[in-house]
Amino acid sequence: MNDAFIAYLHDLFADFGVISTRAMFGGHGVYHRGVIIAIVIDDGLYLKTDEVTRPVFERAGGAPYFYSHKGKQLTMSYWSLPGDAMESPQAMLPWARLAFDAALRKPATRRKSRKGGKA
């Protein structure tokens, strides 16, 4: 992962607020107020979407992040954004808000413990 790109993201989200990043799954997660709002894979940024925000990303020319697993293509709820959104904190601001709103709407899920019981 390119450390310069991660540093750039901190600057890019400056008008939105403080973000943190952490390594995960061969990339990085981007968090705001403890909520994951984006992923960085191969120096590409993908923001969190849901049924409300996905059409906005689609109209802007975005595409979902997908990967292959056990011979199947799996699509995630993270989408690319238009290139001009990457040019300034002001241009990123509305996209960051959409991603945060989508993340907040995601229902909480119960995690299973390692023993297979409920957490």
PDB file of N, CA and C in Angstrom:
ATOM      1  N   MET A   1       0.846  -1.176   0.000  1.00  0.00           N
ATOM      2  CA  MET A   1       0.000   0.000   0.000  1.00  0.00           C
ATOM      3  C   MET A   1       0.887   1.233   0.000  1.00  0.00           C
ATOM      4  N   ASN A   2       0.532   2.190  -0.780  1.00  0.00           N
ATOM      5  CA  ASN A   2       1.289   3.414  -0.938  1.00  0.00           C
ATOM      6  C   ASN A   2       0.985   4.370   0.221  1.00  0.00           C
ATOM      7  N   ASP A   3       1.997   4.602   1.071  1.00  0.00           N
ATOM      8  CA  ASP A   3       1.820   5.489   2.231  1.00  0.00           C
ATOM      9  C   ASP A   3       1.491   6.920   1.816  1.00  0.00           C
ATOM     10  N   ALA A   4       2.010   7.355   0.677  1.00  0.00           N
ATOM     11  CA  ALA A   4       1.718   8.713   0.199  1.00  0.00           C
ATOM     12  C   ALA A   4       0.229   8.843  -0.146  1.00  0.00           C
ATOM     13  N   PHE A   5      -0.358   7.794  -0.694  1.00  0.00           N
ATOM     14  CA  PHE A   5      -1.785   7.832  -1.028  1.00  0.00           C
ATOM     15  C   PHE A   5      -2.626   7.899   0.249  1.00  0.00           C
ATOM     16  N   ILE A   6      -2.256   7.139   1.257  1.00  0.00           N
ATOM     17  CA  ILE A   6      -2.976   7.175   2.535  1.00  0.00           C
ATOM     18  C   ILE A   6      -2.871   8.566   3.151  1.00  0.00           C
ATOM     19  N   ALA A   7      -1.701   9.164   3.112  1.00  0.00           N
ATOM     20  CA  ALA A   7      -1.533  10.526   3.638  1.00  0.00           C
ATOM     21  C   ALA A   7      -2.389  11.509   2.848  1.00  0.00           C
ATOM     22  N   TYR A   8      -2.452  11.333   1.534  1.00  0.00           N
ATOM     23  CA  TYR A   8      -3.285  12.194   0.694  1.00  0.00           C
ATOM     24  C   TYR A   8      -4.760  12.077   1.081  1.00  0.00           C
ATOM     25  N   LEU A   9      -5.207  10.879   1.402  1.00  0.00           N
ATOM     26  CA  LEU A   9      -6.605  10.699   1.803  1.00  0.00           C
ATOM     27  C   LEU A   9      -6.933  11.479   3.072  1.00  0.00           C
ATOM     28  N   HIS A  10      -5.999  11.525   4.000  1.00  0.00           N
ATOM     29  CA  HIS A  10      -6.231  12.307   5.221  1.00  0.00           C
ATOM     30  C   HIS A  10      -6.438  13.778   4.870  1.00  0.00           C
ATOM     31  N   ASP A  11      -5.682  14.286   3.927  1.00  0.00           N
ATOM     32  CA  ASP A  11      -5.859  15.665   3.465  1.00  0.00           C
ATOM     33  C   ASP A  11      -7.175  15.815   2.697  1.00  0.00           C
ATOM     34  N   LEU A  12      -7.484  14.845   1.867  1.00  0.00           N
ATOM     35  CA  LEU A  12      -8.673  14.906   1.019  1.00  0.00           C
ATOM     36  C   LEU A  12      -9.969  14.929   1.835  1.00  0.00           C
ATOM     37  N   PHE A  13      -9.992  14.254   2.952  1.00  0.00           N
ATOM     38  CA  PHE A  13     -11.177  14.213   3.806  1.00  0.00           C
ATOM     39  C   PHE A  13     -11.191  15.332   4.846  1.00  0.00           C
ATOM     40  N   ALA A  14     -10.255  16.265   4.776  1.00  0.00           N
ATOM     41  CA  ALA A  14     -10.114  17.304   5.796  1.00  0.00           C
ATOM     42  C   ALA A  14     -11.379  18.124   6.005  1.00  0.00           C
ATOM     43  N   ASP A  15     -12.097  18.482   4.960  1.00  0.00           N
ATOM     44  CA  ASP A  15     -13.314  19.281   5.121  1.00  0.00           C
ATOM     45  C   ASP A  15     -14.454  18.467   5.741  1.00  0.00           C
ATOM     46  N   PHE A  16     -14.377  17.156   5.631  1.00  0.00           N
ATOM     47  CA  PHE A  16     -15.396  16.273   6.200  1.00  0.00           C
ATOM     48  C   PHE A  16     -15.161  16.049   7.684  1.00  0.00           C
ATOM     49  N   GLY A  17     -13.916  15.892   8.036  1.00  0.00           N
ATOM     50  CA  GLY A  17     -13.558  15.637   9.432  1.00  0.00           C
ATOM     51  C   GLY A  17     -12.397  14.677   9.517  1.00  0.00           C
ATOM     52  N   VAL A  18     -12.039  14.348  10.719  1.00  0.00           N
ATOM     53  CA  VAL A  18     -10.901  13.470  10.958  1.00  0.00           C
ATOM     54  C   VAL A  18     -11.255  12.053  10.530  1.00  0.00           C
ATOM     55  N   ILE A  19     -10.334  11.443   9.804  1.00  0.00           N
ATOM     56  CA  ILE A  19     -10.475  10.032   9.450  1.00  0.00           C
ATOM     57  C   ILE A  19      -9.297   9.275  10.044  1.00  0.00           C
ATOM     58  N   SER A  20      -9.470   7.984  10.150  1.00  0.00           N
ATOM     59  CA  SER A  20      -8.362   7.110  10.506  1.00  0.00           C
ATOM     60  C   SER A  20      -8.338   5.991   9.479  1.00  0.00           C
ATOM     61  N   THR A  21      -7.201   5.391   9.323  1.00  0.00           N
ATOM     62  CA  THR A  21      -7.059   4.278   8.382  1.00  0.00           C
ATOM     63  C   THR A  21      -6.388   3.125   9.103  1.00  0.00           C
ATOM     64  N   ARG A  22      -6.740   1.928   8.656  1.00  0.00           N
ATOM     65  CA  ARG A  22      -6.081   0.764   9.238  1.00  0.00           C
ATOM     66  C   ARG A  22      -6.019  -0.329   8.186  1.00  0.00           C
ATOM     67  N   ALA A  23      -4.910  -1.032   8.213  1.00  0.00           N
ATOM     68  CA  ALA A  23      -4.694  -2.114   7.248  1.00  0.00           C
ATOM     69  C   ALA A  23      -5.713  -3.214   7.465  1.00  0.00           C
ATOM     70  N   MET A  24      -6.244  -3.734   6.346  1.00  0.00           N
ATOM     71  CA  MET A  24      -7.186  -4.841   6.407  1.00  0.00           C
ATOM     72  C   MET A  24      -7.301  -5.498   5.044  1.00  0.00           C
ATOM     73  N   PHE A  25      -7.339  -6.802   5.003  1.00  0.00           N
ATOM     74  CA  PHE A  25      -7.600  -7.573   3.784  1.00  0.00           C
ATOM     75  C   PHE A  25      -6.767  -7.145   2.579  1.00  0.00           C
ATOM     76  N   GLY A  26      -5.513  -6.863   2.779  1.00  0.00           N
ATOM     77  CA  GLY A  26      -4.661  -6.470   1.668  1.00  0.00           C
ATOM     78  C   GLY A  26      -4.825  -5.028   1.243  1.00  0.00           C
ATOM     79  N   GLY A  27      -5.622  -4.276   1.950  1.00  0.00           N
ATOM     80  CA  GLY A  27      -5.847  -2.858   1.661  1.00  0.00           C
ATOM     81  C   GLY A  27      -5.945  -2.090   2.966  1.00  0.00           C
ATOM     82  N   HIS A  28      -6.755  -1.077   2.970  1.00  0.00           N
ATOM     83  CA  HIS A  28      -6.981  -0.277   4.176  1.00  0.00           C
ATOM     84  C   HIS A  28      -8.459   0.042   4.309  1.00  0.00           C
ATOM     85  N   GLY A  29      -8.918   0.154   5.536  1.00  0.00           N
ATOM     86  CA  GLY A  29     -10.240   0.675   5.817  1.00  0.00           C
ATOM     87  C   GLY A  29     -10.104   2.139   6.186  1.00  0.00           C
ATOM     88  N   VAL A  30     -11.070   2.943   5.788  1.00  0.00           N
ATOM     89  CA  VAL A  30     -11.101   4.367   6.136  1.00  0.00           C
ATOM     90  C   VAL A  30     -12.279   4.565   7.082  1.00  0.00           C
ATOM     91  N   TYR A  31     -12.007   5.120   8.252  1.00  0.00           N
ATOM     92  CA  TYR A  31     -13.008   5.260   9.302  1.00  0.00           C
ATOM     93  C   TYR A  31     -13.236   6.727   9.657  1.00  0.00           C
ATOM     94  N   HIS A  32     -14.467   7.028   9.994  1.00  0.00           N
ATOM     95  CA  HIS A  32     -14.833   8.351  10.505  1.00  0.00           C
ATOM     96  C   HIS A  32     -15.731   8.112  11.717  1.00  0.00           C
ATOM     97  N   ARG A  33     -15.340   8.647  12.846  1.00  0.00           N
ATOM     98  CA  ARG A  33     -16.091   8.452  14.101  1.00  0.00           C
ATOM     99  C   ARG A  33     -16.297   6.971  14.408  1.00  0.00           C
ATOM    100  N   GLY A  34     -15.293   6.176  14.101  1.00  0.00           N
ATOM    101  CA  GLY A  34     -15.336   4.757  14.406  1.00  0.00           C
ATOM    102  C   GLY A  34     -16.135   3.906  13.444  1.00  0.00           C
ATOM    103  N   VAL A  35     -16.643   4.494  12.367  1.00  0.00           N
ATOM    104  CA  VAL A  35     -17.466   3.792  11.387  1.00  0.00           C
ATOM    105  C   VAL A  35     -16.694   3.704  10.072  1.00  0.00           C
ATOM    106  N   ILE A  36     -16.660   2.520   9.466  1.00  0.00           N
ATOM    107  CA  ILE A  36     -15.955   2.373   8.192  1.00  0.00           C
ATOM    108  C   ILE A  36     -16.789   3.025   7.088  1.00  0.00           C
ATOM    109  N   ILE A  37     -16.148   3.927   6.348  1.00  0.00           N
ATOM    110  CA  ILE A  37     -16.843   4.648   5.273  1.00  0.00           C
ATOM    111  C   ILE A  37     -16.230   4.380   3.905  1.00  0.00           C
ATOM    112  N   ALA A  38     -15.067   3.751   3.882  1.00  0.00           N
ATOM    113  CA  ALA A  38     -14.401   3.511   2.599  1.00  0.00           C
ATOM    114  C   ALA A  38     -13.359   2.422   2.753  1.00  0.00           C
ATOM    115  N   ILE A  39     -12.982   1.871   1.610  1.00  0.00           N
ATOM    116  CA  ILE A  39     -11.856   0.936   1.565  1.00  0.00           C
ATOM    117  C   ILE A  39     -10.887   1.420   0.497  1.00  0.00           C
ATOM    118  N   VAL A  40      -9.629   1.107   0.707  1.00  0.00           N
ATOM    119  CA  VAL A  40      -8.583   1.414  -0.267  1.00  0.00           C
ATOM    120  C   VAL A  40      -7.976   0.089  -0.682  1.00  0.00           C
ATOM    121  N   ILE A  41      -8.089  -0.210  -1.962  1.00  0.00           N
ATOM    122  CA  ILE A  41      -7.523  -1.436  -2.523  1.00  0.00           C
ATOM    123  C   ILE A  41      -6.717  -1.039  -3.749  1.00  0.00           C
ATOM    124  N   ASP A  42      -5.458  -1.471  -3.803  1.00  0.00           N
ATOM    125  CA  ASP A  42      -4.584  -1.160  -4.941  1.00  0.00           C
ATOM    126  C   ASP A  42      -4.585   0.338  -5.254  1.00  0.00           C
ATOM    127  N   ASP A  43      -4.476   1.166  -4.239  1.00  0.00           N
ATOM    128  CA  ASP A  43      -4.459   2.628  -4.373  1.00  0.00           C
ATOM    129  C   ASP A  43      -5.719   3.175  -5.043  1.00  0.00           C
ATOM    130  N   GLY A  44      -6.803   2.434  -4.977  1.00  0.00           N
ATOM    131  CA  GLY A  44      -8.102   2.915  -5.438  1.00  0.00           C
ATOM    132  C   GLY A  44      -9.007   3.110  -4.234  1.00  0.00           C
ATOM    133  N   LEU A  45      -9.800   4.163  -4.234  1.00  0.00           N
ATOM    134  CA  LEU A  45     -10.700   4.472  -3.131  1.00  0.00           C
ATOM    135  C   LEU A  45     -12.119   4.090  -3.517  1.00  0.00           C
ATOM    136  N   TYR A  46     -12.786   3.367  -2.636  1.00  0.00           N
ATOM    137  CA  TYR A  46     -14.169   2.949  -2.841  1.00  0.00           C
ATOM    138  C   TYR A  46     -14.966   3.350  -1.601  1.00  0.00           C
ATOM    139  N   LEU A  47     -16.030   4.125  -1.794  1.00  0.00           N
ATOM    140  CA  LEU A  47     -16.827   4.609  -0.675  1.00  0.00           C
ATOM    141  C   LEU A  47     -18.041   3.727  -0.422  1.00  0.00           C
ATOM    142  N   LYS A  48     -18.457   3.685   0.838  1.00  0.00           N
ATOM    143  CA  LYS A  48     -19.605   2.892   1.263  1.00  0.00           C
ATOM    144  C   LYS A  48     -20.876   3.407   0.596  1.00  0.00           C
ATOM    145  N   THR A  49     -21.700   2.481   0.106  1.00  0.00           N
ATOM    146  CA  THR A  49     -22.987   2.831  -0.492  1.00  0.00           C
ATOM    147  C   THR A  49     -24.074   1.962   0.110  1.00  0.00           C
ATOM    148  N   ASP A  50     -25.298   2.332  -0.156  1.00  0.00           N
ATOM    149  CA  ASP A  50     -26.459   1.509   0.184  1.00  0.00           C
ATOM    150  C   ASP A  50     -27.516   1.763  -0.883  1.00  0.00           C
ATOM    151  N   GLU A  51     -28.710   1.241  -0.676  1.00  0.00           N
ATOM    152  CA  GLU A  51     -29.757   1.380  -1.692  1.00  0.00           C
ATOM    153  C   GLU A  51     -30.140   2.837  -1.934  1.00  0.00           C
ATOM    154  N   VAL A  52     -29.910   3.700  -0.962  1.00  0.00           N
ATOM    155  CA  VAL A  52     -30.238   5.120  -1.099  1.00  0.00           C
ATOM    156  C   VAL A  52     -29.172   5.851  -1.915  1.00  0.00           C
ATOM    157  N   THR A  53     -27.904   5.581  -1.638  1.00  0.00           N
ATOM    158  CA  THR A  53     -26.814   6.341  -2.259  1.00  0.00           C
ATOM    159  C   THR A  53     -26.258   5.718  -3.536  1.00  0.00           C
ATOM    160  N   ARG A  54     -26.451   4.413  -3.707  1.00  0.00           N
ATOM    161  CA  ARG A  54     -25.888   3.720  -4.871  1.00  0.00           C
ATOM    162  C   ARG A  54     -26.271   4.375  -6.204  1.00  0.00           C
ATOM    163  N   PRO A  55     -27.533   4.795  -6.398  1.00  0.00           N
ATOM    164  CA  PRO A  55     -27.876   5.443  -7.668  1.00  0.00           C
ATOM    165  C   PRO A  55     -27.088   6.725  -7.938  1.00  0.00           C
ATOM    166  N   VAL A  56     -26.736   7.448  -6.896  1.00  0.00           N
ATOM    167  CA  VAL A  56     -25.949   8.671  -7.064  1.00  0.00           C
ATOM    168  C   VAL A  56     -24.560   8.327  -7.605  1.00  0.00           C
ATOM    169  N   PHE A  57     -23.954   7.306  -7.034  1.00  0.00           N
ATOM    170  CA  PHE A  57     -22.640   6.860  -7.498  1.00  0.00           C
ATOM    171  C   PHE A  57     -22.717   6.344  -8.929  1.00  0.00           C
ATOM    172  N   GLU A  58     -23.780   5.605  -9.217  1.00  0.00           N
ATOM    173  CA  GLU A  58     -23.943   5.053 -10.559  1.00  0.00           C
ATOM    174  C   GLU A  58     -24.107   6.158 -11.600  1.00  0.00           C
ATOM    175  N   ARG A  59     -24.923   7.167 -11.304  1.00  0.00           N
ATOM    176  CA  ARG A  59     -25.117   8.290 -12.235  1.00  0.00           C
ATOM    177  C   ARG A  59     -23.829   9.071 -12.464  1.00  0.00           C
ATOM    178  N   ALA A  60     -22.963   9.074 -11.470  1.00  0.00           N
ATOM    179  CA  ALA A  60     -21.692   9.790 -11.587  1.00  0.00           C
ATOM    180  C   ALA A  60     -20.626   8.966 -12.305  1.00  0.00           C
ATOM    181  N   GLY A  61     -20.980   7.740 -12.706  1.00  0.00           N
ATOM    182  CA  GLY A  61     -20.033   6.903 -13.437  1.00  0.00           C
ATOM    183  C   GLY A  61     -19.230   5.968 -12.563  1.00  0.00           C
ATOM    184  N   GLY A  62     -19.606   5.840 -11.292  1.00  0.00           N
ATOM    185  CA  GLY A  62     -18.897   4.941 -10.388  1.00  0.00           C
ATOM    186  C   GLY A  62     -19.204   3.491 -10.702  1.00  0.00           C
ATOM    187  N   ALA A  63     -18.424   2.620 -10.098  1.00  0.00           N
ATOM    188  CA  ALA A  63     -18.608   1.176 -10.269  1.00  0.00           C
ATOM    189  C   ALA A  63     -18.324   0.498  -8.945  1.00  0.00           C
ATOM    190  N   PRO A  64     -18.987  -0.627  -8.705  1.00  0.00           N
ATOM    191  CA  PRO A  64     -18.757  -1.328  -7.434  1.00  0.00           C
ATOM    192  C   PRO A  64     -17.408  -2.030  -7.416  1.00  0.00           C
ATOM    193  N   TYR A  65     -16.884  -2.183  -6.214  1.00  0.00           N
ATOM    194  CA  TYR A  65     -15.688  -2.994  -6.035  1.00  0.00           C
ATOM    195  C   TYR A  65     -16.140  -4.454  -5.979  1.00  0.00           C
ATOM    196  N   PHE A  66     -15.453  -5.310  -6.706  1.00  0.00           N
ATOM    197  CA  PHE A  66     -15.763  -6.735  -6.660  1.00  0.00           C
ATOM    198  C   PHE A  66     -14.465  -7.525  -6.609  1.00  0.00           C
ATOM    199  N   TYR A  67     -14.600  -8.745  -6.143  1.00  0.00           N
ATOM    200  CA  TYR A  67     -13.459  -9.653  -6.095  1.00  0.00           C
ATOM    201  C   TYR A  67     -13.944 -11.071  -6.351  1.00  0.00           C
ATOM    202  N   SER A  68     -13.030 -11.937  -6.660  1.00  0.00           N
ATOM    203  CA  SER A  68     -13.372 -13.335  -6.914  1.00  0.00           C
ATOM    204  C   SER A  68     -13.042 -14.169  -5.695  1.00  0.00           C
ATOM    205  N   HIS A  69     -13.964 -15.072  -5.377  1.00  0.00           N
ATOM    206  CA  HIS A  69     -13.764 -15.969  -4.247  1.00  0.00           C
ATOM    207  C   HIS A  69     -14.401 -17.314  -4.586  1.00  0.00           C
ATOM    208  N   LYS A  70     -13.601 -18.352  -4.560  1.00  0.00           N
ATOM    209  CA  LYS A  70     -14.075 -19.705  -4.860  1.00  0.00           C
ATOM    210  C   LYS A  70     -14.827 -19.769  -6.181  1.00  0.00           C
ATOM    211  N   GLY A  71     -14.281 -19.090  -7.173  1.00  0.00           N
ATOM    212  CA  GLY A  71     -14.857 -19.123  -8.508  1.00  0.00           C
ATOM    213  C   GLY A  71     -16.066 -18.234  -8.726  1.00  0.00           C
ATOM    214  N   LYS A  72     -16.432 -17.461  -7.717  1.00  0.00           N
ATOM    215  CA  LYS A  72     -17.582 -16.561  -7.849  1.00  0.00           C
ATOM    216  C   LYS A  72     -17.114 -15.116  -7.755  1.00  0.00           C
ATOM    217  N   GLN A  73     -17.801 -14.256  -8.477  1.00  0.00           N
ATOM    218  CA  GLN A  73     -17.530 -12.825  -8.392  1.00  0.00           C
ATOM    219  C   GLN A  73     -18.448 -12.230  -7.323  1.00  0.00           C
ATOM    220  N   LEU A  74     -17.859 -11.646  -6.304  1.00  0.00           N
ATOM    221  CA  LEU A  74     -18.617 -11.057  -5.212  1.00  0.00           C
ATOM    222  C   LEU A  74     -18.513  -9.541  -5.286  1.00  0.00           C
ATOM    223  N   THR A  75     -19.651  -8.885  -5.251  1.00  0.00           N
ATOM    224  CA  THR A  75     -19.700  -7.430  -5.313  1.00  0.00           C
ATOM    225  C   THR A  75     -19.903  -6.884  -3.915  1.00  0.00           C
ATOM    226  N   MET A  76     -19.128  -5.885  -3.565  1.00  0.00           N
ATOM    227  CA  MET A  76     -19.239  -5.266  -2.250  1.00  0.00           C
ATOM    228  C   MET A  76     -20.070  -3.985  -2.347  1.00  0.00           C
ATOM    229  N   SER A  77     -20.423  -3.443  -1.221  1.00  0.00           N
ATOM    230  CA  SER A  77     -21.224  -2.215  -1.186  1.00  0.00           C
ATOM    231  C   SER A  77     -20.326  -0.974  -1.145  1.00  0.00           C
ATOM    232  N   TYR A  78     -19.187  -1.059  -1.783  1.00  0.00           N
ATOM    233  CA  TYR A  78     -18.250   0.062  -1.890  1.00  0.00           C
ATOM    234  C   TYR A  78     -18.070   0.377  -3.365  1.00  0.00           C
ATOM    235  N   TRP A  79     -18.221   1.660  -3.710  1.00  0.00           N
ATOM    236  CA  TRP A  79     -18.173   2.083  -5.108  1.00  0.00           C
ATOM    237  C   TRP A  79     -17.091   3.130  -5.329  1.00  0.00           C
ATOM    238  N   SER A  80     -16.561   3.114  -6.556  1.00  0.00           N
ATOM    239  CA  SER A  80     -15.622   4.162  -6.970  1.00  0.00           C
ATOM    240  C   SER A  80     -16.392   5.463  -7.151  1.00  0.00           C
ATOM    241  N   LEU A  81     -15.685   6.544  -7.215  1.00  0.00           N
ATOM    242  CA  LEU A  81     -16.325   7.842  -7.375  1.00  0.00           C
ATOM    243  C   LEU A  81     -15.694   8.597  -8.532  1.00  0.00           C
ATOM    244  N   PRO A  82     -16.329   9.669  -8.979  1.00  0.00           N
ATOM    245  CA  PRO A  82     -15.767  10.388 -10.128  1.00  0.00           C
ATOM    246  C   PRO A  82     -14.393  10.967  -9.795  1.00  0.00           C
ATOM    247  N   GLY A  83     -13.539  11.027 -10.802  1.00  0.00           N
ATOM    248  CA  GLY A  83     -12.174  11.507 -10.611  1.00  0.00           C
ATOM    249  C   GLY A  83     -12.082  12.896 -10.013  1.00  0.00           C
ATOM    250  N   ASP A  84     -13.028  13.781 -10.365  1.00  0.00           N
ATOM    251  CA  ASP A  84     -12.932  15.138  -9.831  1.00  0.00           C
ATOM    252  C   ASP A  84     -13.157  15.175  -8.325  1.00  0.00           C
ATOM    253  N   ALA A  85     -13.789  14.158  -7.752  1.00  0.00           N
ATOM    254  CA  ALA A  85     -13.973  14.102  -6.302  1.00  0.00           C
ATOM    255  C   ALA A  85     -12.633  13.916  -5.588  1.00  0.00           C
ATOM    256  N   MET A  86     -11.658  13.407  -6.306  1.00  0.00           N
ATOM    257  CA  MET A  86     -10.336  13.161  -5.726  1.00  0.00           C
ATOM    258  C   MET A  86      -9.422  14.377  -5.818  1.00  0.00           C
ATOM    259  N   GLU A  87      -9.911  15.484  -6.355  1.00  0.00           N
ATOM    260  CA  GLU A  87      -9.061  16.638  -6.607  1.00  0.00           C
ATOM    261  C   GLU A  87      -8.940  17.612  -5.445  1.00  0.00           C
ATOM    262  N   SER A  88      -9.932  17.636  -4.547  1.00  0.00           N
ATOM    263  CA  SER A  88      -9.864  18.611  -3.452  1.00  0.00           C
ATOM    264  C   SER A  88     -10.767  18.173  -2.309  1.00  0.00           C
ATOM    265  N   PRO A  89     -10.484  18.668  -1.105  1.00  0.00           N
ATOM    266  CA  PRO A  89     -11.369  18.372   0.025  1.00  0.00           C
ATOM    267  C   PRO A  89     -12.803  18.859  -0.212  1.00  0.00           C
ATOM    268  N   GLN A  90     -12.964  19.976  -0.901  1.00  0.00           N
ATOM    269  CA  GLN A  90     -14.301  20.497  -1.185  1.00  0.00           C
ATOM    270  C   GLN A  90     -15.063  19.568  -2.127  1.00  0.00           C
ATOM    271  N   ALA A  91     -14.364  19.014  -3.108  1.00  0.00           N
ATOM    272  CA  ALA A  91     -15.000  18.100  -4.053  1.00  0.00           C
ATOM    273  C   ALA A  91     -15.319  16.754  -3.402  1.00  0.00           C
ATOM    274  N   MET A  92     -14.518  16.333  -2.425  1.00  0.00           N
ATOM    275  CA  MET A  92     -14.750  15.061  -1.733  1.00  0.00           C
ATOM    276  C   MET A  92     -15.887  15.161  -0.723  1.00  0.00           C
ATOM    277  N   LEU A  93     -16.130  16.331  -0.185  1.00  0.00           N
ATOM    278  CA  LEU A  93     -17.072  16.502   0.917  1.00  0.00           C
ATOM    279  C   LEU A  93     -18.448  15.876   0.679  1.00  0.00           C
ATOM    280  N   PRO A  94     -19.145  16.146  -0.435  1.00  0.00           N
ATOM    281  CA  PRO A  94     -20.471  15.537  -0.594  1.00  0.00           C
ATOM    282  C   PRO A  94     -20.425  14.011  -0.701  1.00  0.00           C
ATOM    283  N   TRP A  95     -19.366  13.477  -1.270  1.00  0.00           N
ATOM    284  CA  TRP A  95     -19.224  12.024  -1.405  1.00  0.00           C
ATOM    285  C   TRP A  95     -18.949  11.387  -0.051  1.00  0.00           C
ATOM    286  N   ALA A  96     -18.121  12.039   0.748  1.00  0.00           N
ATOM    287  CA  ALA A  96     -17.839  11.536   2.094  1.00  0.00           C
ATOM    288  C   ALA A  96     -19.116  11.523   2.933  1.00  0.00           C
ATOM    289  N   ARG A  97     -19.912  12.557   2.800  1.00  0.00           N
ATOM    290  CA  ARG A  97     -21.186  12.607   3.544  1.00  0.00           C
ATOM    291  C   ARG A  97     -22.109  11.465   3.124  1.00  0.00           C
ATOM    292  N   LEU A  98     -22.189  11.204   1.816  1.00  0.00           N
ATOM    293  CA  LEU A  98     -23.020  10.099   1.331  1.00  0.00           C
ATOM    294  C   LEU A  98     -22.541   8.768   1.913  1.00  0.00           C
ATOM    295  N   ALA A  99     -21.232   8.567   1.935  1.00  0.00           N
ATOM    296  CA  ALA A  99     -20.669   7.312   2.447  1.00  0.00           C
ATOM    297  C   ALA A  99     -20.941   7.166   3.942  1.00  0.00           C
ATOM    298  N   PHE A 100     -20.778   8.241   4.695  1.00  0.00           N
ATOM    299  CA  PHE A 100     -21.018   8.184   6.133  1.00  0.00           C
ATOM    300  C   PHE A 100     -22.491   7.912   6.414  1.00  0.00           C
ATOM    301  N   ASP A 101     -23.366   8.587   5.693  1.00  0.00           N
ATOM    302  CA  ASP A 101     -24.807   8.362   5.864  1.00  0.00           C
ATOM    303  C   ASP A 101     -25.167   6.906   5.568  1.00  0.00           C
ATOM    304  N   ALA A 102     -24.603   6.349   4.493  1.00  0.00           N
ATOM    305  CA  ALA A 102     -24.873   4.947   4.153  1.00  0.00           C
ATOM    306  C   ALA A 102     -24.368   4.023   5.253  1.00  0.00           C
ATOM    307  N   ALA A 103     -23.193   4.311   5.776  1.00  0.00           N
ATOM    308  CA  ALA A 103     -22.631   3.483   6.844  1.00  0.00           C
ATOM    309  C   ALA A 103     -23.496   3.542   8.098  1.00  0.00           C
ATOM    310  N   LEU A 104     -24.042   4.708   8.397  1.00  0.00           N
ATOM    311  CA  LEU A 104     -24.891   4.842   9.587  1.00  0.00           C
ATOM    312  C   LEU A 104     -26.221   4.119   9.423  1.00  0.00           C
ATOM    313  N   ARG A 105     -26.692   3.995   8.195  1.00  0.00           N
ATOM    314  CA  ARG A 105     -27.952   3.289   7.952  1.00  0.00           C
ATOM    315  C   ARG A 105     -27.807   1.774   8.002  1.00  0.00           C
ATOM    316  N   LYS A 106     -26.585   1.282   7.889  1.00  0.00           N
ATOM    317  CA  LYS A 106     -26.372  -0.163   7.879  1.00  0.00           C
ATOM    318  C   LYS A 106     -26.779  -0.729   9.240  1.00  0.00           C
ATOM    319  N   PRO A 107     -27.662  -1.731   9.226  1.00  0.00           N
ATOM    320  CA  PRO A 107     -28.078  -2.311  10.503  1.00  0.00           C
ATOM    321  C   PRO A 107     -26.925  -3.036  11.188  1.00  0.00           C
ATOM    322  N   ALA A 108     -26.908  -2.970  12.484  1.00  0.00           N
ATOM    323  CA  ALA A 108     -25.881  -3.675  13.249  1.00  0.00           C
ATOM    324  C   ALA A 108     -26.090  -5.174  13.086  1.00  0.00           C
ATOM    325  N   THR A 109     -25.004  -5.896  12.966  1.00  0.00           N
ATOM    326  CA  THR A 109     -25.090  -7.352  12.841  1.00  0.00           C
ATOM    327  C   THR A 109     -24.455  -7.990  14.067  1.00  0.00           C
ATOM    328  N   ARG A 110     -24.952  -9.132  14.413  1.00  0.00           N
ATOM    329  CA  ARG A 110     -24.378  -9.880  15.534  1.00  0.00           C
ATOM    330  C   ARG A 110     -23.218 -10.698  15.014  1.00  0.00           C
ATOM    331  N   ARG A 111     -22.156 -10.671  15.739  1.00  0.00           N
ATOM    332  CA  ARG A 111     -20.988 -11.467  15.377  1.00  0.00           C
ATOM    333  C   ARG A 111     -20.990 -12.758  16.161  1.00  0.00           C
ATOM    334  N   LYS A 112     -20.601 -13.838  15.501  1.00  0.00           N
ATOM    335  CA  LYS A 112     -20.500 -15.122  16.180  1.00  0.00           C
ATOM    336  C   LYS A 112     -19.145 -15.228  16.843  1.00  0.00           C
ATOM    337  N   SER A 113     -19.127 -15.864  17.992  1.00  0.00           N
ATOM    338  CA  SER A 113     -17.855 -16.087  18.662  1.00  0.00           C
ATOM    339  C   SER A 113     -17.104 -17.193  17.929  1.00  0.00           C
ATOM    340  N   ARG A 114     -15.868 -17.344  18.239  1.00  0.00           N
ATOM    341  CA  ARG A 114     -15.046 -18.375  17.589  1.00  0.00           C
ATOM    342  C   ARG A 114     -15.542 -19.791  17.898  1.00  0.00           C
ATOM    343  N   LYS A 115     -16.264 -19.951  18.981  1.00  0.00           N
ATOM    344  CA  LYS A 115     -16.788 -21.267  19.342  1.00  0.00           C
ATOM    345  C   LYS A 115     -18.099 -21.561  18.632  1.00  0.00           C
ATOM    346  N   GLY A 116     -18.575 -20.614  17.802  1.00  0.00           N
ATOM    347  CA  GLY A 116     -19.796 -20.844  17.055  1.00  0.00           C
ATOM    348  C   GLY A 116     -21.034 -20.363  17.760  1.00  0.00           C
ATOM    349  N   GLY A 117     -20.893 -19.858  18.984  1.00  0.00           N
ATOM    350  CA  GLY A 117     -22.034 -19.328  19.708  1.00  0.00           C
ATOM    351  C   GLY A 117     -22.281 -17.875  19.366  1.00  0.00           C
ATOM    352  N   LYS A 118     -23.299 -17.308  19.934  1.00  0.00           N
ATOM    353  CA  LYS A 118     -23.582 -15.888  19.686  1.00  0.00           C
ATOM    354  C   LYS A 118     -22.702 -15.019  20.550  1.00  0.00           C
ATOM    355  N   ALA A 119     -22.338 -13.883  19.990  1.00  0.00           N
ATOM    356  CA  ALA A 119     -21.479 -12.955  20.722  1.00  0.00           C
ATOM    357  C   ALA A 119     -22.307 -12.085  21.626  1.00  0.00           C
TER     358      ALA A 119
END
